[in-house]
Amino acid sequence: MSDTKLNSTKIAAGVAAGTIGLYVASRAVKSALRDSARRAASSPTEYHLAVHLVKDGAADSSHDWILVKQHKAADLEQLRRAVAQACGLDPSEADGLSLHPVERRGGGDDGGRCTGLGPKITQTASLETLLLHLAPERLQVPELVCIAGGSTTPSPAAIPRAAPVFPLPGMSLPFVGTTYQILGPEPIYTYNIANNVFPCDKPYPYGATVRSYSGGPRSKIGDFASGTVFHIDAETMTTWSADANV
């Protein structure tokens, strides 16, 4: 009788260990798939870059980060011209621009604090390497410091934090997230969003672009092949914007 109980205990322990193992393996596979999906979300034809301008020995106080888009087939000269145009510089200043990748250490969506600048970029192929080294939980946008006018290299403390994700439009409530912002007297829910989030008679309380959270329920995304893996944000977050230049 004792042998039977011992065998039953061993079988139960084996089943429990196997179940835990399958759960851990499933979580690892799912995490890997999501990481891969996040990396694959970056444009296959364009580099999307966040550029911080340093000119005349000082950081550009009018902008923290400026978005620059450049075709992956472009050379360094074309990249400099695109950066100069986006930063509002004279075209004649493009040749003298020095572009350096930002190095960060820490955690969170913004990658942590800046610890220094990498070597000067001498070819656009370096941007592909920067993309590959970005953590999958971070926005797949390499950060560059653009040094113009013969300015000295800024200290790490002078480099602003990475561009944050768009804020939520209010407090996230259990099960409904921020979808309560669609409620109101208007029969068309987008009018209620406009009244609640983007009022026309006062400053926008949450900014010109926000990300609304569903509270947990995942939306069904069509027009993709069966089995496509989406990042969790794509299924639970919806971007609302009143900014024509978002």
C-alpha atoms as a PDB file:
ATOM      1  CA  MET A   1       0.000   0.000   0.000  1.00  0.00           C
ATOM      2  CA  SER A   2       2.820   2.370   0.862  1.00  0.00           C
ATOM      3  CA  ASP A   3       4.518   1.618  -2.464  1.00  0.00           C
ATOM      4  CA  THR A   4       1.309   2.538  -4.303  1.00  0.00           C
ATOM      5  CA  LYS A   5       1.083   5.848  -2.466  1.00  0.00           C
ATOM      6  CA  LEU A   6       4.752   6.535  -3.140  1.00  0.00           C
ATOM      7  CA  ASN A   7       4.304   5.855  -6.836  1.00  0.00           C
ATOM      8  CA  SER A   8       1.219   8.079  -6.959  1.00  0.00           C
ATOM      9  CA  THR A   9       3.147  10.860  -5.267  1.00  0.00           C
ATOM     10  CA  LYS A  10       5.990  10.508  -7.752  1.00  0.00           C
ATOM     11  CA  ILE A  11       3.558  10.585 -10.682  1.00  0.00           C
ATOM     12  CA  ALA A  12       1.796  13.678  -9.305  1.00  0.00           C
ATOM     13  CA  ALA A  13       5.134  15.402  -8.749  1.00  0.00           C
ATOM     14  CA  GLY A  14       6.209  14.497 -12.284  1.00  0.00           C
ATOM     15  CA  VAL A  15       2.973  15.844 -13.762  1.00  0.00           C
ATOM     16  CA  ALA A  16       3.303  19.057 -11.744  1.00  0.00           C
ATOM     17  CA  ALA A  17       6.929  19.513 -12.809  1.00  0.00           C
ATOM     18  CA  GLY A  18       6.009  18.836 -16.431  1.00  0.00           C
ATOM     19  CA  THR A  19       3.156  21.346 -16.298  1.00  0.00           C
ATOM     20  CA  ILE A  20       5.400  24.007 -14.785  1.00  0.00           C
ATOM     21  CA  GLY A  21       8.041  23.278 -17.403  1.00  0.00           C
ATOM     22  CA  LEU A  22       5.532  23.617 -20.235  1.00  0.00           C
ATOM     23  CA  TYR A  23       4.232  26.880 -18.748  1.00  0.00           C
ATOM     24  CA  VAL A  24       7.730  28.350 -18.439  1.00  0.00           C
ATOM     25  CA  ALA A  25       8.631  27.205 -21.966  1.00  0.00           C
ATOM     26  CA  SER A  26       5.384  28.651 -23.336  1.00  0.00           C
ATOM     27  CA  ARG A  27       6.039  32.005 -21.683  1.00  0.00           C
ATOM     28  CA  ALA A  28       9.594  32.044 -23.044  1.00  0.00           C
ATOM     29  CA  VAL A  29       8.419  31.257 -26.590  1.00  0.00           C
ATOM     30  CA  LYS A  30       5.659  33.870 -26.399  1.00  0.00           C
ATOM     31  CA  SER A  31       8.115  36.487 -25.113  1.00  0.00           C
ATOM     32  CA  ALA A  32      10.547  35.663 -27.917  1.00  0.00           C
ATOM     33  CA  LEU A  33       7.782  35.957 -30.500  1.00  0.00           C
ATOM     34  CA  ARG A  34       6.715  39.338 -29.136  1.00  0.00           C
ATOM     35  CA  ASP A  35      10.293  40.563 -29.105  1.00  0.00           C
ATOM     36  CA  SER A  36      10.643  39.448 -32.703  1.00  0.00           C
ATOM     37  CA  ALA A  37       7.376  41.153 -33.633  1.00  0.00           C
ATOM     38  CA  ARG A  38       8.513  44.403 -32.018  1.00  0.00           C
ATOM     39  CA  ARG A  39      11.792  44.338 -33.939  1.00  0.00           C
ATOM     40  CA  ALA A  40      10.002  43.473 -37.180  1.00  0.00           C
ATOM     41  CA  ALA A  41       7.738  46.489 -36.680  1.00  0.00           C
ATOM     42  CA  SER A  42      10.554  48.847 -37.663  1.00  0.00           C
ATOM     43  CA  SER A  43      10.376  50.063 -41.253  1.00  0.00           C
ATOM     44  CA  PRO A  44      12.178  47.780 -43.749  1.00  0.00           C
ATOM     45  CA  THR A  45      12.926  50.691 -46.103  1.00  0.00           C
ATOM     46  CA  GLU A  46      13.410  53.745 -43.860  1.00  0.00           C
ATOM     47  CA  TYR A  47      15.468  54.662 -40.839  1.00  0.00           C
ATOM     48  CA  HIS A  48      13.405  56.484 -38.220  1.00  0.00           C
ATOM     49  CA  LEU A  49      15.817  58.480 -36.087  1.00  0.00           C
ATOM     50  CA  ALA A  50      15.480  60.711 -33.011  1.00  0.00           C
ATOM     51  CA  VAL A  51      17.985  63.581 -33.320  1.00  0.00           C
ATOM     52  CA  HIS A  52      19.062  66.037 -30.625  1.00  0.00           C
ATOM     53  CA  LEU A  53      20.799  69.159 -31.917  1.00  0.00           C
ATOM     54  CA  VAL A  54      23.811  70.765 -30.249  1.00  0.00           C
ATOM     55  CA  LYS A  55      24.859  74.045 -31.876  1.00  0.00           C
ATOM     56  CA  ASP A  56      27.200  76.844 -30.837  1.00  0.00           C
ATOM     57  CA  GLY A  57      28.167  74.911 -27.751  1.00  0.00           C
ATOM     58  CA  ALA A  58      24.619  74.544 -26.412  1.00  0.00           C
ATOM     59  CA  ALA A  59      21.729  72.132 -26.784  1.00  0.00           C
ATOM     60  CA  ASP A  60      18.761  73.248 -28.848  1.00  0.00           C
ATOM     61  CA  SER A  61      16.309  74.387 -26.178  1.00  0.00           C
ATOM     62  CA  SER A  62      13.377  74.504 -28.621  1.00  0.00           C
ATOM     63  CA  HIS A  63      13.372  70.737 -29.154  1.00  0.00           C
ATOM     64  CA  ASP A  64      14.469  67.735 -27.122  1.00  0.00           C
ATOM     65  CA  TRP A  65      14.206  65.240 -29.970  1.00  0.00           C
ATOM     66  CA  ILE A  66      13.432  65.724 -33.654  1.00  0.00           C
ATOM     67  CA  LEU A  67      12.175  62.856 -35.803  1.00  0.00           C
ATOM     68  CA  VAL A  68      14.165  62.287 -38.999  1.00  0.00           C
ATOM     69  CA  LYS A  69      13.204  59.776 -41.678  1.00  0.00           C
ATOM     70  CA  GLN A  70      15.761  58.650 -44.224  1.00  0.00           C
ATOM     71  CA  HIS A  71      15.711  55.889 -46.851  1.00  0.00           C
ATOM     72  CA  LYS A  72      18.042  53.018 -45.985  1.00  0.00           C
ATOM     73  CA  ALA A  73      19.746  53.290 -49.365  1.00  0.00           C
ATOM     74  CA  ALA A  74      20.878  56.868 -48.622  1.00  0.00           C
ATOM     75  CA  ASP A  75      24.539  57.655 -48.045  1.00  0.00           C
ATOM     76  CA  LEU A  76      26.018  59.718 -45.218  1.00  0.00           C
ATOM     77  CA  GLU A  77      25.852  62.960 -47.191  1.00  0.00           C
ATOM     78  CA  GLN A  78      22.109  62.503 -47.808  1.00  0.00           C
ATOM     79  CA  LEU A  79      21.582  61.661 -44.136  1.00  0.00           C
ATOM     80  CA  ARG A  80      23.332  64.858 -43.061  1.00  0.00           C
ATOM     81  CA  ARG A  81      21.183  66.912 -45.423  1.00  0.00           C
ATOM     82  CA  ALA A  82      18.007  65.303 -44.051  1.00  0.00           C
ATOM     83  CA  VAL A  83      19.126  65.995 -40.470  1.00  0.00           C
ATOM     84  CA  ALA A  84      20.031  69.602 -41.303  1.00  0.00           C
ATOM     85  CA  GLN A  85      16.629  70.193 -42.896  1.00  0.00           C
ATOM     86  CA  ALA A  86      14.733  68.624 -39.981  1.00  0.00           C
ATOM     87  CA  CYS A  87      16.733  70.701 -37.468  1.00  0.00           C
ATOM     88  CA  GLY A  88      16.123  73.940 -39.376  1.00  0.00           C
ATOM     89  CA  LEU A  89      19.773  74.439 -40.283  1.00  0.00           C
ATOM     90  CA  ASP A  90      21.078  76.118 -43.399  1.00  0.00           C
ATOM     91  CA  PRO A  91      21.885  73.537 -46.143  1.00  0.00           C
ATOM     92  CA  SER A  92      25.469  74.807 -46.151  1.00  0.00           C
ATOM     93  CA  GLU A  93      25.852  73.516 -42.568  1.00  0.00           C
ATOM     94  CA  ALA A  94      25.055  69.900 -43.501  1.00  0.00           C
ATOM     95  CA  ASP A  95      28.627  68.928 -44.408  1.00  0.00           C
ATOM     96  CA  GLY A  96      29.936  69.989 -41.012  1.00  0.00           C
ATOM     97  CA  LEU A  97      27.470  67.938 -38.961  1.00  0.00           C
ATOM     98  CA  SER A  98      28.840  65.269 -36.660  1.00  0.00           C
ATOM     99  CA  LEU A  99      26.399  62.486 -35.725  1.00  0.00           C
ATOM    100  CA  HIS A 100      26.951  60.351 -32.617  1.00  0.00           C
ATOM    101  CA  PRO A 101      24.755  57.537 -31.232  1.00  0.00           C
ATOM    102  CA  VAL A 102      23.465  57.912 -27.680  1.00  0.00           C
ATOM    103  CA  GLU A 103      24.501  55.210 -25.221  1.00  0.00           C
ATOM    104  CA  ARG A 104      22.159  54.493 -22.304  1.00  0.00           C
ATOM    105  CA  ARG A 105      22.176  52.260 -19.271  1.00  0.00           C
ATOM    106  CA  GLY A 106      19.311  51.408 -16.977  1.00  0.00           C
ATOM    107  CA  GLY A 107      15.770  50.286 -17.546  1.00  0.00           C
ATOM    108  CA  GLY A 108      12.310  51.359 -18.523  1.00  0.00           C
ATOM    109  CA  ASP A 109      10.834  52.285 -21.864  1.00  0.00           C
ATOM    110  CA  ASP A 110      13.318  55.113 -22.309  1.00  0.00           C
ATOM    111  CA  GLY A 111      16.385  52.901 -21.844  1.00  0.00           C
ATOM    112  CA  GLY A 112      17.688  54.690 -18.748  1.00  0.00           C
ATOM    113  CA  ARG A 113      20.159  57.538 -18.345  1.00  0.00           C
ATOM    114  CA  CYS A 114      22.693  58.559 -20.962  1.00  0.00           C
ATOM    115  CA  THR A 115      26.194  57.308 -20.166  1.00  0.00           C
ATOM    116  CA  GLY A 116      27.967  58.835 -23.157  1.00  0.00           C
ATOM    117  CA  LEU A 117      28.103  59.154 -26.928  1.00  0.00           C
ATOM    118  CA  GLY A 118      29.339  56.537 -29.319  1.00  0.00           C
ATOM    119  CA  PRO A 119      31.921  57.067 -32.060  1.00  0.00           C
ATOM    120  CA  LYS A 120      31.085  59.449 -34.889  1.00  0.00           C
ATOM    121  CA  ILE A 121      28.962  57.801 -37.574  1.00  0.00           C
ATOM    122  CA  THR A 122      30.937  57.492 -40.796  1.00  0.00           C
ATOM    123  CA  GLN A 123      28.513  55.363 -42.813  1.00  0.00           C
ATOM    124  CA  THR A 124      24.753  54.835 -42.750  1.00  0.00           C
ATOM    125  CA  ALA A 125      25.194  51.068 -42.357  1.00  0.00           C
ATOM    126  CA  SER A 126      26.046  51.831 -38.716  1.00  0.00           C
ATOM    127  CA  LEU A 127      22.377  52.689 -38.153  1.00  0.00           C
ATOM    128  CA  GLU A 128      21.411  49.067 -38.836  1.00  0.00           C
ATOM    129  CA  THR A 129      23.782  47.970 -36.086  1.00  0.00           C
ATOM    130  CA  LEU A 130      22.208  50.495 -33.703  1.00  0.00           C
ATOM    131  CA  LEU A 131      18.769  49.050 -34.463  1.00  0.00           C
ATOM    132  CA  LEU A 132      19.932  45.515 -33.748  1.00  0.00           C
ATOM    133  CA  HIS A 133      21.252  46.559 -30.336  1.00  0.00           C
ATOM    134  CA  LEU A 134      18.031  48.267 -29.209  1.00  0.00           C
ATOM    135  CA  ALA A 135      16.134  46.329 -26.558  1.00  0.00           C
ATOM    136  CA  PRO A 136      12.846  44.990 -27.987  1.00  0.00           C
ATOM    137  CA  GLU A 137      10.766  46.737 -25.304  1.00  0.00           C
ATOM    138  CA  ARG A 138      12.090  50.105 -26.473  1.00  0.00           C
ATOM    139  CA  LEU A 139      10.856  52.128 -29.399  1.00  0.00           C
ATOM    140  CA  GLN A 140      12.841  50.966 -32.435  1.00  0.00           C
ATOM    141  CA  VAL A 141      14.225  54.424 -33.138  1.00  0.00           C
ATOM    142  CA  PRO A 142      17.987  55.022 -32.759  1.00  0.00           C
ATOM    143  CA  GLU A 143      18.953  58.230 -30.967  1.00  0.00           C
ATOM    144  CA  LEU A 144      21.613  60.506 -32.440  1.00  0.00           C
ATOM    145  CA  VAL A 145      23.217  63.677 -31.129  1.00  0.00           C
ATOM    146  CA  CYS A 146      23.886  66.110 -33.969  1.00  0.00           C
ATOM    147  CA  ILE A 147      26.827  68.413 -33.234  1.00  0.00           C
ATOM    148  CA  ALA A 148      26.938  71.500 -35.457  1.00  0.00           C
ATOM    149  CA  GLY A 149      29.044  74.634 -35.731  1.00  0.00           C
ATOM    150  CA  GLY A 150      32.207  73.059 -34.381  1.00  0.00           C
ATOM    151  CA  SER A 151      30.652  72.657 -30.948  1.00  0.00           C
ATOM    152  CA  THR A 152      32.325  70.516 -28.328  1.00  0.00           C
ATOM    153  CA  THR A 153      30.861  67.135 -27.432  1.00  0.00           C
ATOM    154  CA  PRO A 154      28.199  67.593 -24.717  1.00  0.00           C
ATOM    155  CA  SER A 155      28.370  65.787 -21.388  1.00  0.00           C
ATOM    156  CA  PRO A 156      26.024  62.818 -20.807  1.00  0.00           C
ATOM    157  CA  ALA A 157      24.052  64.902 -18.292  1.00  0.00           C
ATOM    158  CA  ALA A 158      23.206  67.394 -21.052  1.00  0.00           C
ATOM    159  CA  ILE A 159      21.520  64.719 -23.185  1.00  0.00           C
ATOM    160  CA  PRO A 160      17.759  64.663 -22.564  1.00  0.00           C
ATOM    161  CA  ARG A 161      15.859  61.543 -21.627  1.00  0.00           C
ATOM    162  CA  ALA A 162      14.560  59.467 -24.503  1.00  0.00           C
ATOM    163  CA  ALA A 163      11.241  60.540 -25.959  1.00  0.00           C
ATOM    164  CA  PRO A 164       8.528  59.063 -23.716  1.00  0.00           C
ATOM    165  CA  VAL A 165       5.531  57.111 -24.929  1.00  0.00           C
ATOM    166  CA  PHE A 166       2.340  59.111 -25.405  1.00  0.00           C
ATOM    167  CA  PRO A 167       0.439  59.530 -22.114  1.00  0.00           C
ATOM    168  CA  LEU A 168      -2.850  57.959 -21.119  1.00  0.00           C
ATOM    169  CA  PRO A 169      -5.893  60.272 -21.350  1.00  0.00           C
ATOM    170  CA  GLY A 170      -6.665  60.098 -17.640  1.00  0.00           C
ATOM    171  CA  MET A 171      -6.555  57.442 -14.927  1.00  0.00           C
ATOM    172  CA  SER A 172      -6.710  53.823 -16.077  1.00  0.00           C
ATOM    173  CA  LEU A 173      -9.614  52.037 -14.382  1.00  0.00           C
ATOM    174  CA  PRO A 174      -9.956  48.267 -13.841  1.00  0.00           C
ATOM    175  CA  PHE A 175     -11.472  46.416 -16.821  1.00  0.00           C
ATOM    176  CA  VAL A 176     -12.237  49.592 -18.823  1.00  0.00           C
ATOM    177  CA  GLY A 177      -8.856  51.334 -18.877  1.00  0.00           C
ATOM    178  CA  THR A 178      -9.399  54.804 -20.328  1.00  0.00           C
ATOM    179  CA  THR A 179     -12.224  53.901 -22.708  1.00  0.00           C
ATOM    180  CA  TYR A 180     -14.620  55.854 -20.472  1.00  0.00           C
ATOM    181  CA  GLN A 181     -13.458  58.923 -22.403  1.00  0.00           C
ATOM    182  CA  ILE A 182     -15.809  57.891 -25.237  1.00  0.00           C
ATOM    183  CA  LEU A 183     -18.789  58.489 -22.933  1.00  0.00           C
ATOM    184  CA  GLY A 184     -20.785  61.701 -23.109  1.00  0.00           C
ATOM    185  CA  PRO A 185     -23.914  63.358 -24.453  1.00  0.00           C
ATOM    186  CA  GLU A 186     -22.955  63.068 -28.128  1.00  0.00           C
ATOM    187  CA  PRO A 187     -24.386  60.119 -30.104  1.00  0.00           C
ATOM    188  CA  ILE A 188     -21.112  59.838 -32.067  1.00  0.00           C
ATOM    189  CA  TYR A 189     -18.400  58.647 -29.676  1.00  0.00           C
ATOM    190  CA  THR A 190     -15.559  60.481 -31.439  1.00  0.00           C
ATOM    191  CA  TYR A 191     -17.291  63.769 -30.598  1.00  0.00           C
ATOM    192  CA  ASN A 192     -17.188  62.770 -26.920  1.00  0.00           C
ATOM    193  CA  ILE A 193     -13.465  62.016 -27.244  1.00  0.00           C
ATOM    194  CA  ALA A 194     -12.973  65.487 -28.726  1.00  0.00           C
ATOM    195  CA  ASN A 195     -14.925  67.104 -25.871  1.00  0.00           C
ATOM    196  CA  ASN A 196     -13.231  65.116 -23.102  1.00  0.00           C
ATOM    197  CA  VAL A 197      -9.645  64.805 -24.353  1.00  0.00           C
ATOM    198  CA  PHE A 198      -9.178  67.565 -26.939  1.00  0.00           C
ATOM    199  CA  PRO A 199     -11.454  70.436 -25.842  1.00  0.00           C
ATOM    200  CA  CYS A 200     -11.482  73.410 -28.196  1.00  0.00           C
ATOM    201  CA  ASP A 201     -11.869  76.080 -25.503  1.00  0.00           C
ATOM    202  CA  LYS A 202      -8.821  75.275 -23.334  1.00  0.00           C
ATOM    203  CA  PRO A 203      -5.414  73.562 -23.497  1.00  0.00           C
ATOM    204  CA  TYR A 204      -5.508  69.823 -24.071  1.00  0.00           C
ATOM    205  CA  PRO A 205      -5.320  68.286 -20.554  1.00  0.00           C
ATOM    206  CA  TYR A 206      -3.257  65.248 -21.653  1.00  0.00           C
ATOM    207  CA  GLY A 207      -1.425  66.619 -24.675  1.00  0.00           C
ATOM    208  CA  ALA A 208      -2.184  66.590 -28.391  1.00  0.00           C
ATOM    209  CA  THR A 209      -1.583  62.831 -28.749  1.00  0.00           C
ATOM    210  CA  VAL A 210      -2.560  60.119 -26.272  1.00  0.00           C
ATOM    211  CA  ARG A 211      -2.754  56.330 -26.073  1.00  0.00           C
ATOM    212  CA  SER A 212      -6.039  54.977 -24.767  1.00  0.00           C
ATOM    213  CA  TYR A 213      -5.910  51.646 -22.902  1.00  0.00           C
ATOM    214  CA  SER A 214      -8.690  49.087 -23.354  1.00  0.00           C
ATOM    215  CA  GLY A 215      -8.416  47.790 -19.790  1.00  0.00           C
ATOM    216  CA  GLY A 216      -7.310  44.337 -20.925  1.00  0.00           C
ATOM    217  CA  PRO A 217      -9.629  43.175 -23.733  1.00  0.00           C
ATOM    218  CA  ARG A 218      -7.731  42.657 -26.963  1.00  0.00           C
ATOM    219  CA  SER A 219      -8.970  44.003 -30.259  1.00  0.00           C
ATOM    220  CA  LYS A 220      -9.120  41.835 -33.337  1.00  0.00           C
ATOM    221  CA  ILE A 221      -6.641  43.012 -35.945  1.00  0.00           C
ATOM    222  CA  GLY A 222      -7.480  42.147 -39.540  1.00  0.00           C
ATOM    223  CA  ASP A 223      -5.611  42.310 -42.849  1.00  0.00           C
ATOM    224  CA  PHE A 224      -2.705  40.236 -41.574  1.00  0.00           C
ATOM    225  CA  ALA A 225      -1.748  36.649 -42.323  1.00  0.00           C
ATOM    226  CA  SER A 226      -3.019  33.965 -39.982  1.00  0.00           C
ATOM    227  CA  GLY A 227      -0.634  33.354 -37.109  1.00  0.00           C
ATOM    228  CA  THR A 228       0.845  36.885 -37.155  1.00  0.00           C
ATOM    229  CA  VAL A 229       2.208  37.776 -33.708  1.00  0.00           C
ATOM    230  CA  PHE A 230       1.394  41.288 -32.465  1.00  0.00           C
ATOM    231  CA  HIS A 231       2.929  43.276 -29.672  1.00  0.00           C
ATOM    232  CA  ILE A 232       0.531  43.454 -26.712  1.00  0.00           C
ATOM    233  CA  ASP A 233       0.224  47.235 -27.122  1.00  0.00           C
ATOM    234  CA  ALA A 234      -1.149  46.826 -30.653  1.00  0.00           C
ATOM    235  CA  GLU A 235      -4.083  44.847 -29.265  1.00  0.00           C
ATOM    236  CA  THR A 236      -4.859  46.894 -26.154  1.00  0.00           C
ATOM    237  CA  MET A 237      -3.803  50.482 -26.965  1.00  0.00           C
ATOM    238  CA  THR A 238      -5.366  52.949 -29.412  1.00  0.00           C
ATOM    239  CA  THR A 239      -3.661  56.198 -30.384  1.00  0.00           C
ATOM    240  CA  TRP A 240      -5.822  59.322 -30.483  1.00  0.00           C
ATOM    241  CA  SER A 241      -4.358  62.533 -31.829  1.00  0.00           C
ATOM    242  CA  ALA A 242      -5.349  66.117 -32.546  1.00  0.00           C
ATOM    243  CA  ASP A 243      -1.863  66.885 -33.822  1.00  0.00           C
ATOM    244  CA  ALA A 244      -1.618  67.207 -37.609  1.00  0.00           C
ATOM    245  CA  ASN A 245       2.147  66.617 -37.423  1.00  0.00           C
ATOM    246  CA  VAL A 246       2.173  63.516 -35.212  1.00  0.00           C
END
